[in-house]
């Protein structure tokens, strides 16, 4: 430590630090004339704007007969998508089982399509840069 950091912050000060009394320490005085006057509450009179002979239509209630909704027709998956492996089996309303070979071929097909699109886009960007650089 240096000598400067050892010196007290106030020169010639000895003993405890005392602060002068502040405005916050004074007692609070309340002026009675500033208070709101207290009044007795009067009853509120409410006047209805309706006439006593107001003829409103009565609530008709629920309809006597519910309308007939057409029911959706459920069909087998083999009727909608005639796949070679779905035709021999009639699974009714169940989905066909997962075929790993079909999933693999679909994934390879997707990868080929996306890679072809990436090569086409890269070629177009390269051509644009080449033409602009010339």
Protein backbone atom coordinates (compact mmCIF):
# COMPACT_ATOMS: atom_id res chain seq x y z
CA UNK A 1 0.00 0.00 0.00
CA UNK A 2 1.10 3.51 -0.60
CA UNK A 3 1.21 6.26 2.00
CA UNK A 4 -1.66 8.05 0.36
CA UNK A 5 -4.17 5.23 0.96
CA UNK A 6 -3.34 5.18 4.71
CA UNK A 7 -4.27 8.82 5.35
CA UNK A 8 -7.74 9.63 6.75
CA UNK A 9 -10.26 11.22 4.42
CA UNK A 10 -10.94 14.19 6.71
CA UNK A 11 -8.01 16.07 8.25
CA UNK A 12 -8.11 16.91 11.88
CA UNK A 13 -11.21 14.83 12.54
CA UNK A 14 -11.24 12.75 15.63
CA UNK A 15 -14.04 10.89 17.30
CA UNK A 16 -17.35 9.56 15.93
CA UNK A 17 -18.99 11.24 12.99
CA UNK A 18 -22.20 13.07 13.90
CA UNK A 19 -24.69 14.37 11.37
CA UNK A 20 -26.78 17.45 11.94
CA UNK A 21 -30.51 16.84 12.47
CA UNK A 22 -32.34 16.70 9.17
CA UNK A 23 -35.81 17.76 8.09
CA UNK A 24 -36.92 14.11 8.03
CA UNK A 25 -36.34 13.77 11.77
CA UNK A 26 -38.88 16.47 12.67
CA UNK A 27 -42.29 15.48 14.03
CA UNK A 28 -45.13 15.37 11.54
CA UNK A 29 -47.88 17.93 11.99
CA UNK A 30 -51.27 17.47 10.33
CA UNK A 31 -53.39 20.48 9.42
CA UNK A 32 -57.02 19.70 10.31
CA UNK A 33 -58.38 22.24 7.83
CA UNK A 34 -56.76 20.36 4.94
CA UNK A 35 -58.69 17.19 5.61
CA UNK A 36 -61.72 16.29 3.58
CA UNK A 37 -65.00 17.19 5.26
CA UNK A 38 -66.95 14.18 6.40
CA UNK A 39 -70.51 13.98 5.21
CA UNK A 40 -73.27 11.52 5.72
CA UNK A 41 -73.87 9.58 2.52
CA UNK A 42 -77.31 10.05 1.05
CA UNK A 43 -79.24 7.16 -0.46
CA UNK A 44 -78.92 6.98 -4.23
CA UNK A 45 -82.19 7.08 -6.12
CA UNK A 46 -82.26 4.95 -9.24
CA UNK A 47 -84.87 5.54 -11.92
CA UNK A 48 -85.60 2.71 -14.32
CA UNK A 49 -85.87 3.77 -17.95
CA UNK A 50 -87.99 0.74 -18.84
CA UNK A 51 -91.69 0.97 -19.00
CA UNK A 52 -93.58 -1.57 -16.94
CA UNK A 53 -95.47 -2.76 -20.02
CA UNK A 54 -92.33 -3.44 -22.03
CA UNK A 55 -93.24 -6.29 -24.36
CA UNK A 56 -90.14 -8.27 -25.13
CA UNK A 57 -90.31 -11.45 -27.17
CA UNK A 58 -90.04 -14.48 -24.98
CA UNK A 59 -86.96 -16.66 -25.26
CA UNK A 60 -87.81 -19.24 -27.91
CA UNK A 61 -85.59 -21.83 -26.21
CA UNK A 62 -83.87 -24.66 -28.01
CA UNK A 63 -85.29 -25.75 -31.37
CA UNK A 64 -87.81 -28.54 -31.25
CA UNK A 65 -85.74 -30.80 -33.50
CA UNK A 66 -81.99 -30.79 -34.01
CA UNK A 67 -80.86 -30.59 -37.63
CA UNK A 68 -79.52 -33.77 -39.17
CA UNK A 69 -75.84 -33.47 -40.03
CA UNK A 70 -74.40 -35.67 -42.75
CA UNK A 71 -71.95 -38.20 -41.35
CA UNK A 72 -68.47 -38.41 -42.90
CA UNK A 73 -67.73 -41.55 -44.85
CA UNK A 74 -64.71 -43.44 -43.58
CA UNK A 75 -62.75 -45.32 -46.20
CA UNK A 76 -59.85 -47.72 -46.08
CA UNK A 77 -56.36 -46.41 -46.84
CA UNK A 78 -56.01 -48.91 -49.65
CA UNK A 79 -58.87 -47.17 -51.47
CA UNK A 80 -57.20 -43.75 -51.23
CA UNK A 81 -53.56 -44.62 -52.01
CA UNK A 82 -53.30 -47.75 -54.11
CA UNK A 83 -49.73 -48.75 -53.22
CA UNK A 84 -48.48 -52.17 -54.31
CA UNK A 85 -47.96 -53.38 -50.77
CA UNK A 86 -51.28 -51.91 -49.53
CA UNK A 87 -53.52 -53.59 -52.13
CA UNK A 88 -53.12 -57.23 -51.15
CA UNK A 89 -53.98 -56.60 -47.52
CA UNK A 90 -57.22 -55.08 -46.42
CA UNK A 91 -56.32 -53.35 -43.17
CA UNK A 92 -59.65 -51.64 -42.85
CA UNK A 93 -59.17 -48.26 -41.19
CA UNK A 94 -55.61 -48.91 -39.96
CA UNK A 95 -52.47 -47.52 -41.53
CA UNK A 96 -50.17 -49.94 -43.35
CA UNK A 97 -47.07 -51.08 -41.45
CA UNK A 98 -43.83 -49.15 -41.83
CA UNK A 99 -41.72 -50.42 -44.71
CA UNK A 100 -38.01 -49.67 -44.10
CA UNK A 101 -37.10 -50.08 -47.78
CA UNK A 102 -39.70 -47.50 -48.80
CA UNK A 103 -38.48 -45.05 -46.14
CA UNK A 104 -34.89 -45.51 -47.30
CA UNK A 105 -35.77 -44.96 -50.98
CA UNK A 106 -37.82 -41.87 -50.09
CA UNK A 107 -34.93 -40.44 -48.07
CA UNK A 108 -32.44 -41.07 -50.93
CA UNK A 109 -34.85 -39.45 -53.40
CA UNK A 110 -35.18 -36.37 -51.16
CA UNK A 111 -31.40 -36.09 -50.77
CA UNK A 112 -30.88 -36.30 -54.54
CA UNK A 113 -33.49 -33.60 -55.19
CA UNK A 114 -32.08 -31.22 -52.55
CA UNK A 115 -28.48 -31.74 -53.67
CA UNK A 116 -29.48 -31.09 -57.31
CA UNK A 117 -31.18 -27.86 -56.27
CA UNK A 118 -28.08 -26.81 -54.30
CA UNK A 119 -25.81 -27.46 -57.31
CA UNK A 120 -28.13 -25.50 -59.62
CA UNK A 121 -28.26 -22.57 -57.21
CA UNK A 122 -24.47 -22.58 -56.74
CA UNK A 123 -23.98 -22.62 -60.53
CA UNK A 124 -26.33 -19.67 -60.96
CA UNK A 125 -24.49 -17.67 -58.29
CA UNK A 126 -21.09 -18.54 -59.83
CA UNK A 127 -22.27 -17.47 -63.30
CA UNK A 128 -23.66 -14.20 -61.92
CA UNK A 129 -20.34 -13.43 -60.19
CA UNK A 130 -18.39 -14.34 -63.31
CA UNK A 131 -20.51 -12.09 -65.56
CA UNK A 132 -20.37 -9.20 -63.12
CA UNK A 133 -16.59 -9.58 -62.67
CA UNK A 134 -15.92 -9.40 -66.40
